[in-house]
């Protein structure tokens, strides 16, 4: 059995963390000694994630990120279990549509914004009032390179992530100096969520990256660990691009 790291005394709430990027973030925070609450829609997947991460230091709260009652329950249960919420990582997101923006169903667009932007604001508000307003802490929003430059056929997702980046700046300005708020903008990370972007053509997709591979969840976990640590104590309102160098190819024929 692997020996657990000493407790850091800090507590994190990570949304959408039963698998993929969210799980990678939770894993990185547990590895440094944080106690962590994770959320997810599927109770079975959430239980499996908690068991793998270590039930002695991790709890799971099932629910949909855009549900206000779930947001309240997640923050209250984290406070009840651990007595504090130092770090909030807004990772929960959705991208249910693929196609040109000219034909985008506006109801679908509303759903994307509800999950990718409004839920992040809701969790930030509730965490602020429950703990961070008086005690400080950090917030990290998982955005995307699609929020920085056009991404054909996933326009609703990209526009929502651009809004999340701006929300990051707004929160950073308003919550300072108590709370630092930053975003991470990953390129393609090998997850179930992003599988349609590389499945069956991973080598071809990876060849476009100067670092010659796609991202993995631990790449984003490491970035989140940095932005929630004292090593980034003078960093707020920023978007850290974690893209394997793909933007270096911009404009190259």
C-alpha atoms as a PDB file:
ATOM      1  CA  UNK A   1       0.000   0.000   0.000  1.00  0.00           C
ATOM      2  CA  UNK A   2       1.327   3.416  -0.987  1.00  0.00           C
ATOM      3  CA  UNK A   3       1.946   5.658   2.005  1.00  0.00           C
ATOM      4  CA  UNK A   4      -0.260   8.741   1.996  1.00  0.00           C
ATOM      5  CA  UNK A   5       1.446  12.150   2.003  1.00  0.00           C
ATOM      6  CA  UNK A   6       1.160  14.244   5.131  1.00  0.00           C
ATOM      7  CA  UNK A   7      -1.974  16.367   5.219  1.00  0.00           C
ATOM      8  CA  UNK A   8      -1.461  19.863   3.868  1.00  0.00           C
ATOM      9  CA  UNK A   9      -4.293  21.309   5.943  1.00  0.00           C
ATOM     10  CA  UNK A  10      -5.978  22.529   2.742  1.00  0.00           C
ATOM     11  CA  UNK A  11      -9.228  21.417   1.158  1.00  0.00           C
ATOM     12  CA  UNK A  12     -10.278  21.501  -2.488  1.00  0.00           C
ATOM     13  CA  UNK A  13     -13.585  21.116  -4.296  1.00  0.00           C
ATOM     14  CA  UNK A  14     -13.189  19.863  -7.880  1.00  0.00           C
ATOM     15  CA  UNK A  15     -16.237  19.682 -10.130  1.00  0.00           C
ATOM     16  CA  UNK A  16     -16.666  17.087 -12.860  1.00  0.00           C
ATOM     17  CA  UNK A  17     -13.913  14.932 -11.394  1.00  0.00           C
ATOM     18  CA  UNK A  18     -15.040  11.326 -11.675  1.00  0.00           C
ATOM     19  CA  UNK A  19     -12.760  10.918 -14.706  1.00  0.00           C
ATOM     20  CA  UNK A  20     -10.662  12.824 -17.238  1.00  0.00           C
ATOM     21  CA  UNK A  21      -9.155  16.213 -16.481  1.00  0.00           C
ATOM     22  CA  UNK A  22     -11.104  16.649 -13.249  1.00  0.00           C
ATOM     23  CA  UNK A  23      -9.825  13.329 -11.933  1.00  0.00           C
ATOM     24  CA  UNK A  24      -6.277  14.292 -12.926  1.00  0.00           C
ATOM     25  CA  UNK A  25      -6.638  17.522 -10.949  1.00  0.00           C
ATOM     26  CA  UNK A  26      -8.042  15.748  -7.896  1.00  0.00           C
ATOM     27  CA  UNK A  27      -5.249  13.164  -8.074  1.00  0.00           C
ATOM     28  CA  UNK A  28      -2.588  15.896  -8.102  1.00  0.00           C
ATOM     29  CA  UNK A  29      -4.124  17.673  -5.113  1.00  0.00           C
ATOM     30  CA  UNK A  30      -4.493  14.472  -3.094  1.00  0.00           C
ATOM     31  CA  UNK A  31      -0.873  13.617  -3.922  1.00  0.00           C
ATOM     32  CA  UNK A  32       0.329  16.790  -2.204  1.00  0.00           C
ATOM     33  CA  UNK A  33      -1.777  16.178   0.898  1.00  0.00           C
ATOM     34  CA  UNK A  34      -5.017  18.061   0.271  1.00  0.00           C
ATOM     35  CA  UNK A  35      -8.374  16.631   1.237  1.00  0.00           C
ATOM     36  CA  UNK A  36     -10.675  16.802  -1.753  1.00  0.00           C
ATOM     37  CA  UNK A  37     -14.386  16.778  -2.551  1.00  0.00           C
ATOM     38  CA  UNK A  38     -15.217  15.751  -6.111  1.00  0.00           C
ATOM     39  CA  UNK A  39     -18.468  16.021  -8.020  1.00  0.00           C
ATOM     40  CA  UNK A  40     -19.882  14.159 -11.005  1.00  0.00           C
ATOM     41  CA  UNK A  41     -23.162  13.161 -12.574  1.00  0.00           C
ATOM     42  CA  UNK A  42     -22.761   9.379 -12.328  1.00  0.00           C
ATOM     43  CA  UNK A  43     -22.822   7.982  -8.787  1.00  0.00           C
ATOM     44  CA  UNK A  44     -21.097   4.715  -9.721  1.00  0.00           C
ATOM     45  CA  UNK A  45     -18.263   6.472 -11.565  1.00  0.00           C
ATOM     46  CA  UNK A  46     -17.926   8.905  -8.671  1.00  0.00           C
ATOM     47  CA  UNK A  47     -17.690   6.089  -6.119  1.00  0.00           C
ATOM     48  CA  UNK A  48     -15.042   4.358  -8.194  1.00  0.00           C
ATOM     49  CA  UNK A  49     -13.033   7.598  -8.388  1.00  0.00           C
ATOM     50  CA  UNK A  50     -13.290   8.135  -4.621  1.00  0.00           C
ATOM     51  CA  UNK A  51     -12.114   4.559  -3.975  1.00  0.00           C
ATOM     52  CA  UNK A  52      -9.092   5.026  -6.279  1.00  0.00           C
ATOM     53  CA  UNK A  53      -8.161   8.405  -4.834  1.00  0.00           C
ATOM     54  CA  UNK A  54      -8.606   7.241  -1.231  1.00  0.00           C
ATOM     55  CA  UNK A  55     -11.889   7.408   0.664  1.00  0.00           C
ATOM     56  CA  UNK A  56     -10.083   8.499   3.831  1.00  0.00           C
ATOM     57  CA  UNK A  57      -9.315  11.858   2.216  1.00  0.00           C
ATOM     58  CA  UNK A  58     -11.827  12.206  -0.615  1.00  0.00           C
ATOM     59  CA  UNK A  59     -15.614  12.476  -0.728  1.00  0.00           C
ATOM     60  CA  UNK A  60     -17.919  12.420  -3.731  1.00  0.00           C
ATOM     61  CA  UNK A  61     -21.082  14.448  -4.259  1.00  0.00           C
ATOM     62  CA  UNK A  62     -23.248  13.355  -7.188  1.00  0.00           C
ATOM     63  CA  UNK A  63     -25.252  15.855  -9.204  1.00  0.00           C
ATOM     64  CA  UNK A  64     -25.401  18.063 -12.282  1.00  0.00           C
ATOM     65  CA  UNK A  65     -23.102  21.086 -12.208  1.00  0.00           C
ATOM     66  CA  UNK A  66     -25.755  23.528 -13.430  1.00  0.00           C
ATOM     67  CA  UNK A  67     -28.232  22.490 -10.713  1.00  0.00           C
ATOM     68  CA  UNK A  68     -28.343  25.185  -8.018  1.00  0.00           C
ATOM     69  CA  UNK A  69     -29.329  22.689  -5.316  1.00  0.00           C
ATOM     70  CA  UNK A  70     -26.367  20.503  -6.248  1.00  0.00           C
ATOM     71  CA  UNK A  71     -24.008  23.494  -6.035  1.00  0.00           C
ATOM     72  CA  UNK A  72     -25.301  24.296  -2.562  1.00  0.00           C
ATOM     73  CA  UNK A  73     -25.090  20.663  -1.458  1.00  0.00           C
ATOM     74  CA  UNK A  74     -21.545  20.285  -2.786  1.00  0.00           C
ATOM     75  CA  UNK A  75     -20.235  23.296  -0.892  1.00  0.00           C
ATOM     76  CA  UNK A  76     -22.167  22.475   2.288  1.00  0.00           C
ATOM     77  CA  UNK A  77     -21.025  18.847   2.307  1.00  0.00           C
ATOM     78  CA  UNK A  78     -17.426  19.872   1.723  1.00  0.00           C
ATOM     79  CA  UNK A  79     -17.639  22.292   4.629  1.00  0.00           C
ATOM     80  CA  UNK A  80     -19.371  19.668   6.761  1.00  0.00           C
ATOM     81  CA  UNK A  81     -16.785  16.969   6.028  1.00  0.00           C
ATOM     82  CA  UNK A  82     -13.611  19.058   6.086  1.00  0.00           C
ATOM     83  CA  UNK A  83     -14.524  22.406   7.674  1.00  0.00           C
ATOM     84  CA  UNK A  84     -13.156  24.594   4.884  1.00  0.00           C
ATOM     85  CA  UNK A  85     -12.922  25.075   1.084  1.00  0.00           C
ATOM     86  CA  UNK A  86      -9.566  26.612   0.230  1.00  0.00           C
ATOM     87  CA  UNK A  87      -9.505  25.746  -3.457  1.00  0.00           C
ATOM     88  CA  UNK A  88     -12.281  25.525  -6.044  1.00  0.00           C
ATOM     89  CA  UNK A  89     -11.539  23.978  -9.432  1.00  0.00           C
ATOM     90  CA  UNK A  90     -14.387  24.466 -11.913  1.00  0.00           C
ATOM     91  CA  UNK A  91     -13.843  21.634 -14.367  1.00  0.00           C
ATOM     92  CA  UNK A  92     -17.379  20.429 -15.145  1.00  0.00           C
ATOM     93  CA  UNK A  93     -18.246  21.120 -18.758  1.00  0.00           C
ATOM     94  CA  UNK A  94     -20.212  19.917 -21.748  1.00  0.00           C
ATOM     95  CA  UNK A  95     -19.957  19.973 -25.528  1.00  0.00           C
ATOM     96  CA  UNK A  96     -23.017  18.170 -26.908  1.00  0.00           C
ATOM     97  CA  UNK A  97     -22.943  19.579 -30.431  1.00  0.00           C
ATOM     98  CA  UNK A  98     -20.566  19.395 -33.401  1.00  0.00           C
ATOM     99  CA  UNK A  99     -21.276  21.440 -36.504  1.00  0.00           C
ATOM    100  CA  UNK A 100     -21.303  24.903 -38.088  1.00  0.00           C
ATOM    101  CA  UNK A 101     -22.437  27.810 -35.954  1.00  0.00           C
ATOM    102  CA  UNK A 102     -24.923  28.863 -38.651  1.00  0.00           C
ATOM    103  CA  UNK A 103     -27.011  25.806 -37.794  1.00  0.00           C
ATOM    104  CA  UNK A 104     -26.466  25.842 -34.030  1.00  0.00           C
ATOM    105  CA  UNK A 105     -29.602  25.059 -32.021  1.00  0.00           C
ATOM    106  CA  UNK A 106     -29.950  27.989 -29.626  1.00  0.00           C
ATOM    107  CA  UNK A 107     -31.413  25.776 -26.901  1.00  0.00           C
ATOM    108  CA  UNK A 108     -28.255  23.686 -27.100  1.00  0.00           C
ATOM    109  CA  UNK A 109     -26.164  26.855 -26.914  1.00  0.00           C
ATOM    110  CA  UNK A 110     -28.020  27.842 -23.737  1.00  0.00           C
ATOM    111  CA  UNK A 111     -27.309  24.423 -22.219  1.00  0.00           C
ATOM    112  CA  UNK A 112     -23.604  24.762 -23.009  1.00  0.00           C
ATOM    113  CA  UNK A 113     -23.433  28.186 -21.348  1.00  0.00           C
ATOM    114  CA  UNK A 114     -25.453  26.995 -18.351  1.00  0.00           C
ATOM    115  CA  UNK A 115     -22.978  24.208 -17.672  1.00  0.00           C
ATOM    116  CA  UNK A 116     -19.698  25.775 -18.778  1.00  0.00           C
ATOM    117  CA  UNK A 117     -20.121  29.327 -17.505  1.00  0.00           C
ATOM    118  CA  UNK A 118     -23.098  29.853 -15.196  1.00  0.00           C
ATOM    119  CA  UNK A 119     -22.316  26.796 -13.067  1.00  0.00           C
ATOM    120  CA  UNK A 120     -18.738  28.028 -12.582  1.00  0.00           C
ATOM    121  CA  UNK A 121     -20.085  31.364 -11.389  1.00  0.00           C
ATOM    122  CA  UNK A 122     -22.525  29.623  -9.067  1.00  0.00           C
ATOM    123  CA  UNK A 123     -19.839  27.471  -7.466  1.00  0.00           C
ATOM    124  CA  UNK A 124     -17.565  30.519  -7.132  1.00  0.00           C
ATOM    125  CA  UNK A 125     -20.300  32.522  -5.402  1.00  0.00           C
ATOM    126  CA  UNK A 126     -21.158  29.744  -2.977  1.00  0.00           C
ATOM    127  CA  UNK A 127     -17.538  28.961  -2.147  1.00  0.00           C
ATOM    128  CA  UNK A 128     -16.839  32.676  -1.629  1.00  0.00           C
ATOM    129  CA  UNK A 129     -19.668  33.086   0.858  1.00  0.00           C
ATOM    130  CA  UNK A 130     -19.044  29.776   2.641  1.00  0.00           C
ATOM    131  CA  UNK A 131     -15.305  30.211   3.281  1.00  0.00           C
ATOM    132  CA  UNK A 132     -13.126  32.202   0.945  1.00  0.00           C
ATOM    133  CA  UNK A 133     -14.556  35.669   1.635  1.00  0.00           C
ATOM    134  CA  UNK A 134     -13.181  35.593   5.181  1.00  0.00           C
ATOM    135  CA  UNK A 135     -10.346  33.107   4.824  1.00  0.00           C
ATOM    136  CA  UNK A 136      -8.953  33.439   1.329  1.00  0.00           C
ATOM    137  CA  UNK A 137      -8.122  30.747  -1.182  1.00  0.00           C
ATOM    138  CA  UNK A 138      -7.938  30.115  -4.909  1.00  0.00           C
ATOM    139  CA  UNK A 139     -10.232  29.378  -7.826  1.00  0.00           C
ATOM    140  CA  UNK A 140      -9.114  27.687 -11.036  1.00  0.00           C
ATOM    141  CA  UNK A 141     -11.431  27.544 -14.043  1.00  0.00           C
ATOM    142  CA  UNK A 142     -10.724  24.919 -16.686  1.00  0.00           C
ATOM    143  CA  UNK A 143     -11.176  26.755 -19.971  1.00  0.00           C
ATOM    144  CA  UNK A 144      -9.800  25.678 -23.385  1.00  0.00           C
ATOM    145  CA  UNK A 145      -7.664  26.880 -26.249  1.00  0.00           C
ATOM    146  CA  UNK A 146     -11.021  26.951 -28.077  1.00  0.00           C
ATOM    147  CA  UNK A 147     -11.792  30.000 -25.945  1.00  0.00           C
ATOM    148  CA  UNK A 148      -8.728  31.824 -27.256  1.00  0.00           C
ATOM    149  CA  UNK A 149      -8.916  31.147 -30.994  1.00  0.00           C
ATOM    150  CA  UNK A 150     -11.682  29.935 -33.337  1.00  0.00           C
ATOM    151  CA  UNK A 151     -12.292  26.187 -33.314  1.00  0.00           C
ATOM    152  CA  UNK A 152     -14.386  25.085 -36.287  1.00  0.00           C
ATOM    153  CA  UNK A 153     -17.433  22.960 -35.527  1.00  0.00           C
ATOM    154  CA  UNK A 154     -17.283  23.400 -31.733  1.00  0.00           C
ATOM    155  CA  UNK A 155     -18.258  27.063 -31.741  1.00  0.00           C
ATOM    156  CA  UNK A 156     -20.692  26.949 -28.814  1.00  0.00           C
ATOM    157  CA  UNK A 157     -18.046  25.289 -26.662  1.00  0.00           C
ATOM    158  CA  UNK A 158     -15.379  27.781 -27.728  1.00  0.00           C
ATOM    159  CA  UNK A 159     -17.549  30.820 -27.130  1.00  0.00           C
ATOM    160  CA  UNK A 160     -18.514  29.506 -23.694  1.00  0.00           C
ATOM    161  CA  UNK A 161     -14.853  28.997 -22.799  1.00  0.00           C
ATOM    162  CA  UNK A 162     -14.062  32.545 -23.943  1.00  0.00           C
ATOM    163  CA  UNK A 163     -16.777  33.702 -21.562  1.00  0.00           C
ATOM    164  CA  UNK A 164     -15.239  31.570 -18.800  1.00  0.00           C
ATOM    165  CA  UNK A 165     -11.875  33.248 -19.366  1.00  0.00           C
ATOM    166  CA  UNK A 166     -13.502  36.664 -19.015  1.00  0.00           C
ATOM    167  CA  UNK A 167     -15.378  35.444 -15.927  1.00  0.00           C
ATOM    168  CA  UNK A 168     -11.995  34.452 -14.513  1.00  0.00           C
ATOM    169  CA  UNK A 169     -10.766  38.020 -14.912  1.00  0.00           C
ATOM    170  CA  UNK A 170     -13.931  39.500 -13.422  1.00  0.00           C
ATOM    171  CA  UNK A 171     -13.740  37.226 -10.374  1.00  0.00           C
ATOM    172  CA  UNK A 172     -10.011  37.863  -9.961  1.00  0.00           C
ATOM    173  CA  UNK A 173     -10.636  41.605  -9.871  1.00  0.00           C
ATOM    174  CA  UNK A 174     -13.586  41.444  -7.497  1.00  0.00           C
ATOM    175  CA  UNK A 175     -12.315  38.720  -5.146  1.00  0.00           C
ATOM    176  CA  UNK A 176      -8.843  40.248  -4.695  1.00  0.00           C
ATOM    177  CA  UNK A 177      -6.906  40.389  -2.474  1.00  0.00           C
ATOM    178  CA  UNK A 178      -8.467  37.479  -0.567  1.00  0.00           C
ATOM    179  CA  UNK A 179      -8.823  35.029  -3.444  1.00  0.00           C
ATOM    180  CA  UNK A 180      -6.677  34.429  -6.510  1.00  0.00           C
ATOM    181  CA  UNK A 181      -8.603  33.350  -9.609  1.00  0.00           C
ATOM    182  CA  UNK A 182      -6.944  31.894 -12.701  1.00  0.00           C
ATOM    183  CA  UNK A 183      -7.828  29.702 -15.664  1.00  0.00           C
ATOM    184  CA  UNK A 184      -6.148  26.874 -17.534  1.00  0.00           C
ATOM    185  CA  UNK A 185      -6.657  26.555 -21.295  1.00  0.00           C
ATOM    186  CA  UNK A 186      -5.756  23.036 -22.437  1.00  0.00           C
ATOM    187  CA  UNK A 187      -5.470  21.876 -26.028  1.00  0.00           C
ATOM    188  CA  UNK A 188      -6.598  18.307 -26.785  1.00  0.00           C
ATOM    189  CA  UNK A 189      -6.251  16.073 -23.737  1.00  0.00           C
ATOM    190  CA  UNK A 190      -6.763  12.318 -24.015  1.00  0.00           C
ATOM    191  CA  UNK A 191     -10.078  11.870 -22.227  1.00  0.00           C
ATOM    192  CA  UNK A 192     -13.447  10.322 -22.971  1.00  0.00           C
ATOM    193  CA  UNK A 193     -14.785  13.868 -23.350  1.00  0.00           C
ATOM    194  CA  UNK A 194     -12.361  14.726 -26.175  1.00  0.00           C
ATOM    195  CA  UNK A 195     -12.196  11.307 -27.833  1.00  0.00           C
ATOM    196  CA  UNK A 196     -14.013  12.477 -30.984  1.00  0.00           C
ATOM    197  CA  UNK A 197     -11.107  14.840 -31.692  1.00  0.00           C
ATOM    198  CA  UNK A 198      -8.460  12.115 -31.903  1.00  0.00           C
ATOM    199  CA  UNK A 199      -9.996   8.623 -31.888  1.00  0.00           C
ATOM    200  CA  UNK A 200      -8.646   6.537 -34.753  1.00  0.00           C
ATOM    201  CA  UNK A 201      -6.148   9.249 -35.729  1.00  0.00           C
ATOM    202  CA  UNK A 202      -4.118   9.920 -32.589  1.00  0.00           C
ATOM    203  CA  UNK A 203      -0.731   9.764 -34.308  1.00  0.00           C
ATOM    204  CA  UNK A 204      -1.897  12.214 -36.956  1.00  0.00           C
ATOM    205  CA  UNK A 205      -3.391  14.553 -34.344  1.00  0.00           C
ATOM    206  CA  UNK A 206      -0.280  14.401 -32.157  1.00  0.00           C
ATOM    207  CA  UNK A 207       2.002  15.161 -35.110  1.00  0.00           C
ATOM    208  CA  UNK A 208       0.645  18.712 -35.202  1.00  0.00           C
ATOM    209  CA  UNK A 209       2.026  19.398 -31.712  1.00  0.00           C
ATOM    210  CA  UNK A 210       5.654  20.540 -31.293  1.00  0.00           C
ATOM    211  CA  UNK A 211       5.908  18.280 -28.228  1.00  0.00           C
ATOM    212  CA  UNK A 212       4.701  15.391 -30.426  1.00  0.00           C
ATOM    213  CA  UNK A 213       1.911  14.128 -28.192  1.00  0.00           C
ATOM    214  CA  UNK A 214      -1.564  14.932 -26.982  1.00  0.00           C
ATOM    215  CA  UNK A 215      -2.125  16.017 -23.411  1.00  0.00           C
ATOM    216  CA  UNK A 216      -3.005  13.693 -20.552  1.00  0.00           C
ATOM    217  CA  UNK A 217      -5.015  14.571 -17.423  1.00  0.00           C
ATOM    218  CA  UNK A 218      -1.910  14.763 -15.227  1.00  0.00           C
ATOM    219  CA  UNK A 219      -0.593  17.615 -17.406  1.00  0.00           C
ATOM    220  CA  UNK A 220      -3.567  19.703 -16.335  1.00  0.00           C
ATOM    221  CA  UNK A 221      -3.404  18.363 -12.787  1.00  0.00           C
ATOM    222  CA  UNK A 222       0.133  19.694 -12.453  1.00  0.00           C
ATOM    223  CA  UNK A 223      -0.910  23.114 -13.741  1.00  0.00           C
ATOM    224  CA  UNK A 224      -3.835  23.229 -11.309  1.00  0.00           C
ATOM    225  CA  UNK A 225      -1.570  22.208  -8.431  1.00  0.00           C
ATOM    226  CA  UNK A 226       0.719  25.131  -9.286  1.00  0.00           C
ATOM    227  CA  UNK A 227      -2.114  27.675  -9.509  1.00  0.00           C
ATOM    228  CA  UNK A 228      -3.509  26.551  -6.154  1.00  0.00           C
ATOM    229  CA  UNK A 229      -0.135  26.674  -4.419  1.00  0.00           C
ATOM    230  CA  UNK A 230       1.940  29.376  -2.768  1.00  0.00           C
ATOM    231  CA  UNK A 231       4.349  29.104  -5.716  1.00  0.00           C
ATOM    232  CA  UNK A 232       1.807  31.137  -7.691  1.00  0.00           C
ATOM    233  CA  UNK A 233       1.088  33.588  -4.872  1.00  0.00           C
ATOM    234  CA  UNK A 234       1.492  36.637  -7.149  1.00  0.00           C
ATOM    235  CA  UNK A 235      -0.541  35.272 -10.053  1.00  0.00           C
ATOM    236  CA  UNK A 236      -4.207  36.156 -10.541  1.00  0.00           C
ATOM    237  CA  UNK A 237      -6.531  36.854 -13.446  1.00  0.00           C
ATOM    238  CA  UNK A 238      -4.350  34.862 -15.829  1.00  0.00           C
ATOM    239  CA  UNK A 239      -5.042  32.078 -18.305  1.00  0.00           C
ATOM    240  CA  UNK A 240      -2.298  29.463 -18.408  1.00  0.00           C
ATOM    241  CA  UNK A 241      -2.208  27.828 -21.845  1.00  0.00           C
ATOM    242  CA  UNK A 242      -1.229  24.157 -21.593  1.00  0.00           C
ATOM    243  CA  UNK A 243      -1.159  23.080 -25.213  1.00  0.00           C
ATOM    244  CA  UNK A 244       1.947  21.061 -26.042  1.00  0.00           C
ATOM    245  CA  UNK A 245       3.096  24.026 -28.118  1.00  0.00           C
ATOM    246  CA  UNK A 246       0.257  23.846 -30.672  1.00  0.00           C
ATOM    247  CA  UNK A 247      -0.132  27.625 -30.746  1.00  0.00           C
ATOM    248  CA  UNK A 248       3.478  27.888 -31.931  1.00  0.00           C
ATOM    249  CA  UNK A 249       2.198  26.629 -35.276  1.00  0.00           C
ATOM    250  CA  UNK A 250      -0.275  29.475 -35.714  1.00  0.00           C
ATOM    251  CA  UNK A 251       0.112  31.052 -39.114  1.00  0.00           C
ATOM    252  CA  UNK A 252       2.511  28.411 -40.395  1.00  0.00           C
ATOM    253  CA  UNK A 253       1.461  26.943 -43.722  1.00  0.00           C
END
